[in-house]
Amino acid sequence: MEEKQFQSLKEFYPFYLTEHSHPTSRILHFIGTAIVLLLIPASLLFHNFKLLLLIPFVGYGFAWVGHFFFEKNKPATFKYPGYSLASDFLLFFDLLSGKQKFKP
């Protein structure tokens, strides 16, 4: 069976949500993205741009724990890095606004 090839973020995001259905995984993604969003202004505020080097480790670290230990699937980042990164932020803001729930 041929795997679907996504042509847009709008098309990809529903798939992304199915790959993030475990509540703990969603919480881990939310925490990782929140820390990433805090690292950016913190690096400017404290004039410590080395903090920016932590972004991929924090962002992917929390997310990949969610995938490997709770979702039991492979992160979409490996196949769709751009759509996956954008969807991480969409999910974060959807959870923050209540548009998505931690328990789908």
PDB file of N, CA and C in Angstrom:
ATOM      1  N   MET A   1       0.839  -1.184   0.000  1.00  0.00           N
ATOM      2  CA  MET A   1       0.000   0.000   0.000  1.00  0.00           C
ATOM      3  C   MET A   1       0.884   1.248   0.000  1.00  0.00           C
ATOM      4  N   GLU A   2       0.594   2.180  -0.872  1.00  0.00           N
ATOM      5  CA  GLU A   2       1.388   3.399  -0.998  1.00  0.00           C
ATOM      6  C   GLU A   2       1.023   4.389   0.101  1.00  0.00           C
ATOM      7  N   GLU A   3       2.056   4.998   0.696  1.00  0.00           N
ATOM      8  CA  GLU A   3       1.852   5.965   1.764  1.00  0.00           C
ATOM      9  C   GLU A   3       1.452   7.311   1.169  1.00  0.00           C
ATOM     10  N   LYS A   4       0.526   8.004   1.843  1.00  0.00           N
ATOM     11  CA  LYS A   4       0.042   9.301   1.380  1.00  0.00           C
ATOM     12  C   LYS A   4       1.161  10.335   1.426  1.00  0.00           C
ATOM     13  N   GLN A   5       1.243  11.144   0.387  1.00  0.00           N
ATOM     14  CA  GLN A   5       2.189  12.256   0.327  1.00  0.00           C
ATOM     15  C   GLN A   5       1.394  13.542   0.542  1.00  0.00           C
ATOM     16  N   PHE A   6       1.757  14.304   1.559  1.00  0.00           N
ATOM     17  CA  PHE A   6       1.036  15.518   1.898  1.00  0.00           C
ATOM     18  C   PHE A   6       1.561  16.686   1.074  1.00  0.00           C
ATOM     19  N   GLN A   7       0.643  17.506   0.605  1.00  0.00           N
ATOM     20  CA  GLN A   7       0.986  18.630  -0.254  1.00  0.00           C
ATOM     21  C   GLN A   7       0.848  19.985   0.446  1.00  0.00           C
ATOM     22  N   SER A   8       0.257  19.993   1.652  1.00  0.00           N
ATOM     23  CA  SER A   8       0.071  21.259   2.358  1.00  0.00           C
ATOM     24  C   SER A   8      -0.017  20.995   3.853  1.00  0.00           C
ATOM     25  N   LEU A   9       0.210  22.037   4.620  1.00  0.00           N
ATOM     26  CA  LEU A   9       0.077  21.939   6.078  1.00  0.00           C
ATOM     27  C   LEU A   9      -1.370  21.647   6.457  1.00  0.00           C
ATOM     28  N   LYS A  10      -2.304  22.250   5.754  1.00  0.00           N
ATOM     29  CA  LYS A  10      -3.732  22.015   6.013  1.00  0.00           C
ATOM     30  C   LYS A  10      -4.084  20.535   5.843  1.00  0.00           C
ATOM     31  N   GLU A  11      -3.475  19.910   4.874  1.00  0.00           N
ATOM     32  CA  GLU A  11      -3.687  18.483   4.605  1.00  0.00           C
ATOM     33  C   GLU A  11      -2.950  17.616   5.635  1.00  0.00           C
ATOM     34  N   PHE A  12      -1.783  18.076   6.078  1.00  0.00           N
ATOM     35  CA  PHE A  12      -0.940  17.306   6.985  1.00  0.00           C
ATOM     36  C   PHE A  12      -1.436  17.332   8.435  1.00  0.00           C
ATOM     37  N   TYR A  13      -1.951  18.467   8.894  1.00  0.00           N
ATOM     38  CA  TYR A  13      -2.276  18.639  10.311  1.00  0.00           C
ATOM     39  C   TYR A  13      -3.252  17.590  10.865  1.00  0.00           C
ATOM     40  N   PRO A  14      -4.312  17.219  10.158  1.00  0.00           N
ATOM     41  CA  PRO A  14      -5.178  16.147  10.691  1.00  0.00           C
ATOM     42  C   PRO A  14      -4.420  14.833  10.912  1.00  0.00           C
ATOM     43  N   PHE A  15      -3.510  14.497   9.981  1.00  0.00           N
ATOM     44  CA  PHE A  15      -2.669  13.312  10.167  1.00  0.00           C
ATOM     45  C   PHE A  15      -1.794  13.476  11.408  1.00  0.00           C
ATOM     46  N   TYR A  16      -1.192  14.643  11.552  1.00  0.00           N
ATOM     47  CA  TYR A  16      -0.339  14.947  12.705  1.00  0.00           C
ATOM     48  C   TYR A  16      -1.108  14.713  14.005  1.00  0.00           C
ATOM     49  N   LEU A  17      -2.354  15.151  14.057  1.00  0.00           N
ATOM     50  CA  LEU A  17      -3.159  14.980  15.273  1.00  0.00           C
ATOM     51  C   LEU A  17      -3.392  13.505  15.585  1.00  0.00           C
ATOM     52  N   THR A  18      -3.550  12.670  14.563  1.00  0.00           N
ATOM     53  CA  THR A  18      -3.746  11.232  14.821  1.00  0.00           C
ATOM     54  C   THR A  18      -2.482  10.594  15.380  1.00  0.00           C
ATOM     55  N   GLU A  19      -1.321  11.173  15.036  1.00  0.00           N
ATOM     56  CA  GLU A  19      -0.043  10.670  15.537  1.00  0.00           C
ATOM     57  C   GLU A  19       0.272  11.207  16.935  1.00  0.00           C
ATOM     58  N   HIS A  20      -0.604  12.047  17.461  1.00  0.00           N
ATOM     59  CA  HIS A  20      -0.426  12.669  18.773  1.00  0.00           C
ATOM     60  C   HIS A  20      -1.718  12.529  19.578  1.00  0.00           C
ATOM     61  N   SER A  21      -2.173  11.310  19.713  1.00  0.00           N
ATOM     62  CA  SER A  21      -3.462  11.086  20.373  1.00  0.00           C
ATOM     63  C   SER A  21      -3.332  10.723  21.847  1.00  0.00           C
ATOM     64  N   HIS A  22      -2.155  10.329  22.286  1.00  0.00           N
ATOM     65  CA  HIS A  22      -1.965   9.962  23.693  1.00  0.00           C
ATOM     66  C   HIS A  22      -1.837  11.239  24.531  1.00  0.00           C
ATOM     67  N   PRO A  23      -2.615  11.365  25.612  1.00  0.00           N
ATOM     68  CA  PRO A  23      -2.570  12.584  26.432  1.00  0.00           C
ATOM     69  C   PRO A  23      -1.167  12.930  26.948  1.00  0.00           C
ATOM     70  N   THR A  24      -0.401  11.944  27.352  1.00  0.00           N
ATOM     71  CA  THR A  24       0.950  12.217  27.867  1.00  0.00           C
ATOM     72  C   THR A  24       1.845  12.749  26.761  1.00  0.00           C
ATOM     73  N   SER A  25       1.691  12.218  25.575  1.00  0.00           N
ATOM     74  CA  SER A  25       2.469  12.706  24.441  1.00  0.00           C
ATOM     75  C   SER A  25       2.129  14.165  24.157  1.00  0.00           C
ATOM     76  N   ARG A  26       0.850  14.492  24.192  1.00  0.00           N
ATOM     77  CA  ARG A  26       0.438  15.881  23.953  1.00  0.00           C
ATOM     78  C   ARG A  26       0.996  16.805  25.031  1.00  0.00           C
ATOM     79  N   ILE A  27       0.984  16.357  26.272  1.00  0.00           N
ATOM     80  CA  ILE A  27       1.534  17.159  27.368  1.00  0.00           C
ATOM     81  C   ILE A  27       3.032  17.376  27.165  1.00  0.00           C
ATOM     82  N   LEU A  28       3.747  16.317  26.796  1.00  0.00           N
ATOM     83  CA  LEU A  28       5.187  16.433  26.560  1.00  0.00           C
ATOM     84  C   LEU A  28       5.487  17.379  25.399  1.00  0.00           C
ATOM     85  N   HIS A  29       4.722  17.287  24.326  1.00  0.00           N
ATOM     86  CA  HIS A  29       4.896  18.208  23.200  1.00  0.00           C
ATOM     87  C   HIS A  29       4.643  19.649  23.655  1.00  0.00           C
ATOM     88  N   PHE A  30       3.599  19.839  24.432  1.00  0.00           N
ATOM     89  CA  PHE A  30       3.253  21.175  24.914  1.00  0.00           C
ATOM     90  C   PHE A  30       4.376  21.750  25.772  1.00  0.00           C
ATOM     91  N   ILE A  31       4.886  20.942  26.691  1.00  0.00           N
ATOM     92  CA  ILE A  31       5.977  21.399  27.571  1.00  0.00           C
ATOM     93  C   ILE A  31       7.226  21.735  26.748  1.00  0.00           C
ATOM     94  N   GLY A  32       7.594  20.861  25.845  1.00  0.00           N
ATOM     95  CA  GLY A  32       8.776  21.098  25.021  1.00  0.00           C
ATOM     96  C   GLY A  32       8.655  22.373  24.200  1.00  0.00           C
ATOM     97  N   THR A  33       7.503  22.586  23.575  1.00  0.00           N
ATOM     98  CA  THR A  33       7.292  23.787  22.767  1.00  0.00           C
ATOM     99  C   THR A  33       7.275  25.029  23.647  1.00  0.00           C
ATOM    100  N   ALA A  34       6.668  24.934  24.829  1.00  0.00           N
ATOM    101  CA  ALA A  34       6.643  26.079  25.756  1.00  0.00           C
ATOM    102  C   ALA A  34       8.063  26.476  26.168  1.00  0.00           C
ATOM    103  N   ILE A  35       8.879  25.491  26.481  1.00  0.00           N
ATOM    104  CA  ILE A  35      10.263  25.788  26.876  1.00  0.00           C
ATOM    105  C   ILE A  35      11.026  26.410  25.705  1.00  0.00           C
ATOM    106  N   VAL A  36      10.811  25.883  24.508  1.00  0.00           N
ATOM    107  CA  VAL A  36      11.454  26.457  23.317  1.00  0.00           C
ATOM    108  C   VAL A  36      11.060  27.927  23.171  1.00  0.00           C
ATOM    109  N   LEU A  37       9.766  28.216  23.337  1.00  0.00           N
ATOM    110  CA  LEU A  37       9.298  29.589  23.200  1.00  0.00           C
ATOM    111  C   LEU A  37       9.824  30.497  24.313  1.00  0.00           C
ATOM    112  N   LEU A  38      10.168  29.926  25.458  1.00  0.00           N
ATOM    113  CA  LEU A  38      10.770  30.707  26.544  1.00  0.00           C
ATOM    114  C   LEU A  38      12.274  30.905  26.356  1.00  0.00           C
ATOM    115  N   LEU A  39      12.920  29.948  25.714  1.00  0.00           N
ATOM    116  CA  LEU A  39      14.364  30.050  25.497  1.00  0.00           C
ATOM    117  C   LEU A  39      14.737  31.228  24.590  1.00  0.00           C
ATOM    118  N   ILE A  40      13.891  31.532  23.651  1.00  0.00           N
ATOM    119  CA  ILE A  40      14.210  32.615  22.701  1.00  0.00           C
ATOM    120  C   ILE A  40      14.289  33.966  23.412  1.00  0.00           C
ATOM    121  N   PRO A  41      13.234  34.382  24.134  1.00  0.00           N
ATOM    122  CA  PRO A  41      13.361  35.670  24.836  1.00  0.00           C
ATOM    123  C   PRO A  41      14.382  35.620  25.972  1.00  0.00           C
ATOM    124  N   ALA A  42      14.556  34.465  26.607  1.00  0.00           N
ATOM    125  CA  ALA A  42      15.541  34.348  27.687  1.00  0.00           C
ATOM    126  C   ALA A  42      16.952  34.590  27.150  1.00  0.00           C
ATOM    127  N   SER A  43      17.225  34.080  25.957  1.00  0.00           N
ATOM    128  CA  SER A  43      18.559  34.284  25.387  1.00  0.00           C
ATOM    129  C   SER A  43      18.805  35.763  25.102  1.00  0.00           C
ATOM    130  N   LEU A  44      17.764  36.482  24.695  1.00  0.00           N
ATOM    131  CA  LEU A  44      17.891  37.916  24.450  1.00  0.00           C
ATOM    132  C   LEU A  44      17.995  38.694  25.758  1.00  0.00           C
ATOM    133  N   LEU A  45      17.146  38.344  26.704  1.00  0.00           N
ATOM    134  CA  LEU A  45      17.111  39.043  27.985  1.00  0.00           C
ATOM    135  C   LEU A  45      18.429  38.917  28.742  1.00  0.00           C
ATOM    136  N   PHE A  46      18.982  37.728  28.738  1.00  0.00           N
ATOM    137  CA  PHE A  46      20.219  37.472  29.492  1.00  0.00           C
ATOM    138  C   PHE A  46      21.478  37.568  28.620  1.00  0.00           C
ATOM    139  N   HIS A  47      21.290  37.958  27.353  1.00  0.00           N
ATOM    140  CA  HIS A  47      22.412  38.083  26.413  1.00  0.00           C
ATOM    141  C   HIS A  47      23.256  36.807  26.395  1.00  0.00           C
ATOM    142  N   ASN A  48      22.560  35.686  26.439  1.00  0.00           N
ATOM    143  CA  ASN A  48      23.227  34.383  26.428  1.00  0.00           C
ATOM    144  C   ASN A  48      22.681  33.598  25.235  1.00  0.00           C
ATOM    145  N   PHE A  49      23.303  33.803  24.096  1.00  0.00           N
ATOM    146  CA  PHE A  49      22.798  33.196  22.876  1.00  0.00           C
ATOM    147  C   PHE A  49      23.110  31.703  22.783  1.00  0.00           C
ATOM    148  N   LYS A  50      23.909  31.218  23.712  1.00  0.00           N
ATOM    149  CA  LYS A  50      24.151  29.772  23.775  1.00  0.00           C
ATOM    150  C   LYS A  50      22.878  29.027  24.165  1.00  0.00           C
ATOM    151  N   LEU A  51      21.951  29.722  24.814  1.00  0.00           N
ATOM    152  CA  LEU A  51      20.671  29.098  25.166  1.00  0.00           C
ATOM    153  C   LEU A  51      19.926  28.629  23.917  1.00  0.00           C
ATOM    154  N   LEU A  52      20.151  29.309  22.815  1.00  0.00           N
ATOM    155  CA  LEU A  52      19.484  28.926  21.563  1.00  0.00           C
ATOM    156  C   LEU A  52      19.916  27.544  21.090  1.00  0.00           C
ATOM    157  N   LEU A  53      21.105  27.128  21.497  1.00  0.00           N
ATOM    158  CA  LEU A  53      21.581  25.787  21.127  1.00  0.00           C
ATOM    159  C   LEU A  53      20.758  24.685  21.788  1.00  0.00           C
ATOM    160  N   LEU A  54      20.057  25.022  22.860  1.00  0.00           N
ATOM    161  CA  LEU A  54      19.228  24.041  23.561  1.00  0.00           C
ATOM    162  C   LEU A  54      17.909  23.755  22.840  1.00  0.00           C
ATOM    163  N   ILE A  55      17.502  24.645  21.958  1.00  0.00           N
ATOM    164  CA  ILE A  55      16.179  24.535  21.336  1.00  0.00           C
ATOM    165  C   ILE A  55      15.917  23.174  20.694  1.00  0.00           C
ATOM    166  N   PRO A  56      16.780  22.665  19.825  1.00  0.00           N
ATOM    167  CA  PRO A  56      16.448  21.367  19.225  1.00  0.00           C
ATOM    168  C   PRO A  56      16.417  20.230  20.237  1.00  0.00           C
ATOM    169  N   PHE A  57      17.273  20.304  21.239  1.00  0.00           N
ATOM    170  CA  PHE A  57      17.301  19.228  22.239  1.00  0.00           C
ATOM    171  C   PHE A  57      16.052  19.240  23.111  1.00  0.00           C
ATOM    172  N   VAL A  58      15.631  20.415  23.506  1.00  0.00           N
ATOM    173  CA  VAL A  58      14.432  20.535  24.338  1.00  0.00           C
ATOM    174  C   VAL A  58      13.196  20.191  23.520  1.00  0.00           C
ATOM    175  N   GLY A  59      13.069  20.834  22.366  1.00  0.00           N
ATOM    176  CA  GLY A  59      11.888  20.602  21.537  1.00  0.00           C
ATOM    177  C   GLY A  59      11.728  19.152  21.129  1.00  0.00           C
ATOM    178  N   TYR A  60      12.783  18.599  20.544  1.00  0.00           N
ATOM    179  CA  TYR A  60      12.700  17.211  20.092  1.00  0.00           C
ATOM    180  C   TYR A  60      12.778  16.224  21.244  1.00  0.00           C
ATOM    181  N   GLY A  61      13.502  16.556  22.275  1.00  0.00           N
ATOM    182  CA  GLY A  61      13.638  15.645  23.417  1.00  0.00           C
ATOM    183  C   GLY A  61      12.295  15.289  24.036  1.00  0.00           C
ATOM    184  N   PHE A  62      11.526  16.299  24.389  1.00  0.00           N
ATOM    185  CA  PHE A  62      10.205  16.049  24.977  1.00  0.00           C
ATOM    186  C   PHE A  62       9.300  15.333  23.981  1.00  0.00           C
ATOM    187  N   ALA A  63       9.307  15.801  22.728  1.00  0.00           N
ATOM    188  CA  ALA A  63       8.426  15.215  21.718  1.00  0.00           C
ATOM    189  C   ALA A  63       8.757  13.751  21.470  1.00  0.00           C
ATOM    190  N   TRP A  64      10.042  13.435  21.351  1.00  0.00           N
ATOM    191  CA  TRP A  64      10.420  12.065  21.023  1.00  0.00           C
ATOM    192  C   TRP A  64      10.165  11.108  22.175  1.00  0.00           C
ATOM    193  N   VAL A  65      10.270  11.561  23.401  1.00  0.00           N
ATOM    194  CA  VAL A  65       9.869  10.713  24.536  1.00  0.00           C
ATOM    195  C   VAL A  65       8.393  10.361  24.381  1.00  0.00           C
ATOM    196  N   GLY A  66       7.594  11.357  24.022  1.00  0.00           N
ATOM    197  CA  GLY A  66       6.160  11.110  23.802  1.00  0.00           C
ATOM    198  C   GLY A  66       5.905  10.083  22.715  1.00  0.00           C
ATOM    199  N   HIS A  67       6.655  10.180  21.630  1.00  0.00           N
ATOM    200  CA  HIS A  67       6.452   9.245  20.525  1.00  0.00           C
ATOM    201  C   HIS A  67       6.943   7.838  20.859  1.00  0.00           C
ATOM    202  N   PHE A  68       8.153   7.737  21.339  1.00  0.00           N
ATOM    203  CA  PHE A  68       8.752   6.412  21.533  1.00  0.00           C
ATOM    204  C   PHE A  68       8.166   5.649  22.714  1.00  0.00           C
ATOM    205  N   PHE A  69       7.771   6.350  23.782  1.00  0.00           N
ATOM    206  CA  PHE A  69       7.303   5.665  24.979  1.00  0.00           C
ATOM    207  C   PHE A  69       5.789   5.654  25.156  1.00  0.00           C
ATOM    208  N   PHE A  70       5.088   6.597  24.560  1.00  0.00           N
ATOM    209  CA  PHE A  70       3.644   6.661  24.770  1.00  0.00           C
ATOM    210  C   PHE A  70       2.852   6.424  23.488  1.00  0.00           C
ATOM    211  N   GLU A  71       3.208   7.087  22.423  1.00  0.00           N
ATOM    212  CA  GLU A  71       2.505   6.876  21.156  1.00  0.00           C
ATOM    213  C   GLU A  71       2.918   5.559  20.491  1.00  0.00           C
ATOM    214  N   LYS A  72       4.176   5.171  20.723  1.00  0.00           N
ATOM    215  CA  LYS A  72       4.741   3.969  20.089  1.00  0.00           C
ATOM    216  C   LYS A  72       4.742   4.111  18.562  1.00  0.00           C
ATOM    217  N   ASN A  73       5.098   5.313  18.103  1.00  0.00           N
ATOM    218  CA  ASN A  73       5.205   5.534  16.666  1.00  0.00           C
ATOM    219  C   ASN A  73       6.459   6.354  16.365  1.00  0.00           C
ATOM    220  N   LYS A  74       6.755   6.486  15.095  1.00  0.00           N
ATOM    221  CA  LYS A  74       7.937   7.223  14.661  1.00  0.00           C
ATOM    222  C   LYS A  74       7.534   8.674  14.411  1.00  0.00           C
ATOM    223  N   PRO A  75       8.292   9.640  14.947  1.00  0.00           N
ATOM    224  CA  PRO A  75       7.935  11.048  14.747  1.00  0.00           C
ATOM    225  C   PRO A  75       7.852  11.416  13.261  1.00  0.00           C
ATOM    226  N   ALA A  76       6.852  12.210  12.938  1.00  0.00           N
ATOM    227  CA  ALA A  76       6.666  12.659  11.555  1.00  0.00           C
ATOM    228  C   ALA A  76       7.801  13.570  11.108  1.00  0.00           C
ATOM    229  N   THR A  77       8.589  14.052  12.054  1.00  0.00           N
ATOM    230  CA  THR A  77       9.731  14.926  11.753  1.00  0.00           C
ATOM    231  C   THR A  77      10.682  14.263  10.761  1.00  0.00           C
ATOM    232  N   PHE A  78      10.814  12.948  10.831  1.00  0.00           N
ATOM    233  CA  PHE A  78      11.747  12.251   9.966  1.00  0.00           C
ATOM    234  C   PHE A  78      11.350  12.333   8.493  1.00  0.00           C
ATOM    235  N   LYS A  79      10.048  12.362   8.228  1.00  0.00           N
ATOM    236  CA  LYS A  79       9.583  12.371   6.838  1.00  0.00           C
ATOM    237  C   LYS A  79       9.084  13.751   6.395  1.00  0.00           C
ATOM    238  N   TYR A  80       8.509  14.497   7.311  1.00  0.00           N
ATOM    239  CA  TYR A  80       7.948  15.814   7.000  1.00  0.00           C
ATOM    240  C   TYR A  80       8.443  16.848   8.007  1.00  0.00           C
ATOM    241  N   PRO A  81       9.723  17.196   7.970  1.00  0.00           N
ATOM    242  CA  PRO A  81      10.265  18.082   9.007  1.00  0.00           C
ATOM    243  C   PRO A  81       9.600  19.455   9.071  1.00  0.00           C
ATOM    244  N   GLY A  82       9.334  20.065   7.945  1.00  0.00           N
ATOM    245  CA  GLY A  82       8.715  21.396   7.938  1.00  0.00           C
ATOM    246  C   GLY A  82       7.288  21.376   8.435  1.00  0.00           C
ATOM    247  N   TYR A  83       6.486  20.477   7.883  1.00  0.00           N
ATOM    248  CA  TYR A  83       5.092  20.362   8.306  1.00  0.00           C
ATOM    249  C   TYR A  83       5.003  19.952   9.773  1.00  0.00           C
ATOM    250  N   SER A  84       5.899  19.091  10.199  1.00  0.00           N
ATOM    251  CA  SER A  84       5.891  18.625  11.578  1.00  0.00           C
ATOM    252  C   SER A  84       6.219  19.757  12.542  1.00  0.00           C
ATOM    253  N   LEU A  85       7.240  20.544  12.227  1.00  0.00           N
ATOM    254  CA  LEU A  85       7.599  21.665  13.084  1.00  0.00           C
ATOM    255  C   LEU A  85       6.460  22.677  13.161  1.00  0.00           C
ATOM    256  N   ALA A  86       5.884  23.019  12.025  1.00  0.00           N
ATOM    257  CA  ALA A  86       4.754  23.958  12.015  1.00  0.00           C
ATOM    258  C   ALA A  86       3.582  23.388  12.808  1.00  0.00           C
ATOM    259  N   SER A  87       3.341  22.089  12.682  1.00  0.00           N
ATOM    260  CA  SER A  87       2.228  21.450  13.402  1.00  0.00           C
ATOM    261  C   SER A  87       2.472  21.415  14.905  1.00  0.00           C
ATOM    262  N   ASP A  88       3.739  21.325  15.318  1.00  0.00           N
ATOM    263  CA  ASP A  88       4.048  21.398  16.754  1.00  0.00           C
ATOM    264  C   ASP A  88       3.539  22.718  17.328  1.00  0.00           C
ATOM    265  N   PHE A  89       3.795  23.793  16.600  1.00  0.00           N
ATOM    266  CA  PHE A  89       3.347  25.103  17.072  1.00  0.00           C
ATOM    267  C   PHE A  89       1.833  25.256  16.956  1.00  0.00           C
ATOM    268  N   LEU A  90       1.241  24.716  15.885  1.00  0.00           N
ATOM    269  CA  LEU A  90      -0.226  24.740  15.770  1.00  0.00           C
ATOM    270  C   LEU A  90      -0.866  24.004  16.933  1.00  0.00           C
ATOM    271  N   LEU A  91      -0.357  22.811  17.242  1.00  0.00           N
ATOM    272  CA  LEU A  91      -0.907  22.044  18.361  1.00  0.00           C
ATOM    273  C   LEU A  91      -0.741  22.810  19.665  1.00  0.00           C
ATOM    274  N   PHE A  92       0.433  23.402  19.877  1.00  0.00           N
ATOM    275  CA  PHE A  92       0.675  24.168  21.100  1.00  0.00           C
ATOM    276  C   PHE A  92      -0.381  25.259  21.268  1.00  0.00           C
ATOM    277  N   PHE A  93      -0.586  26.065  20.220  1.00  0.00           N
ATOM    278  CA  PHE A  93      -1.540  27.164  20.326  1.00  0.00           C
ATOM    279  C   PHE A  93      -2.983  26.671  20.339  1.00  0.00           C
ATOM    280  N   ASP A  94      -3.263  25.550  19.664  1.00  0.00           N
ATOM    281  CA  ASP A  94      -4.607  24.962  19.738  1.00  0.00           C
ATOM    282  C   ASP A  94      -4.902  24.444  21.149  1.00  0.00           C
ATOM    283  N   LEU A  95      -3.898  23.857  21.807  1.00  0.00           N
ATOM    284  CA  LEU A  95      -4.081  23.404  23.194  1.00  0.00           C
ATOM    285  C   LEU A  95      -4.231  24.602  24.128  1.00  0.00           C
ATOM    286  N   LEU A  96      -3.440  25.619  23.908  1.00  0.00           N
ATOM    287  CA  LEU A  96      -3.487  26.827  24.742  1.00  0.00           C
ATOM    288  C   LEU A  96      -4.841  27.524  24.626  1.00  0.00           C
ATOM    289  N   SER A  97      -5.393  27.542  23.430  1.00  0.00           N
ATOM    290  CA  SER A  97      -6.675  28.228  23.202  1.00  0.00           C
ATOM    291  C   SER A  97      -7.886  27.354  23.515  1.00  0.00           C
ATOM    292  N   GLY A  98      -7.667  26.047  23.693  1.00  0.00           N
ATOM    293  CA  GLY A  98      -8.775  25.138  23.946  1.00  0.00           C
ATOM    294  C   GLY A  98      -9.374  24.544  22.692  1.00  0.00           C
ATOM    295  N   LYS A  99      -8.834  24.900  21.536  1.00  0.00           N
ATOM    296  CA  LYS A  99      -9.338  24.347  20.264  1.00  0.00           C
ATOM    297  C   LYS A  99      -9.077  22.838  20.212  1.00  0.00           C
ATOM    298  N   GLN A 100      -7.950  22.407  20.771  1.00  0.00           N
ATOM    299  CA  GLN A 100      -7.626  20.981  20.943  1.00  0.00           C
ATOM    300  C   GLN A 100      -7.563  20.707  22.440  1.00  0.00           C
ATOM    301  N   LYS A 101      -7.773  19.457  22.804  1.00  0.00           N
ATOM    302  CA  LYS A 101      -7.720  19.057  24.211  1.00  0.00           C
ATOM    303  C   LYS A 101      -6.499  18.159  24.427  1.00  0.00           C
ATOM    304  N   PHE A 102      -6.053  18.124  25.671  1.00  0.00           N
ATOM    305  CA  PHE A 102      -4.950  17.209  26.006  1.00  0.00           C
ATOM    306  C   PHE A 102      -5.414  15.766  25.885  1.00  0.00           C
ATOM    307  N   LYS A 103      -6.670  15.517  26.184  1.00  0.00           N
ATOM    308  CA  LYS A 103      -7.262  14.186  25.997  1.00  0.00           C
ATOM    309  C   LYS A 103      -8.212  14.265  24.813  1.00  0.00           C
ATOM    310  N   PRO A 104      -7.761  13.814  23.625  1.00  0.00           N
ATOM    311  CA  PRO A 104      -8.603  13.928  22.419  1.00  0.00           C
ATOM    312  C   PRO A 104      -9.851  13.059  22.499  1.00  0.00           C
TER     313      PRO A 104
END
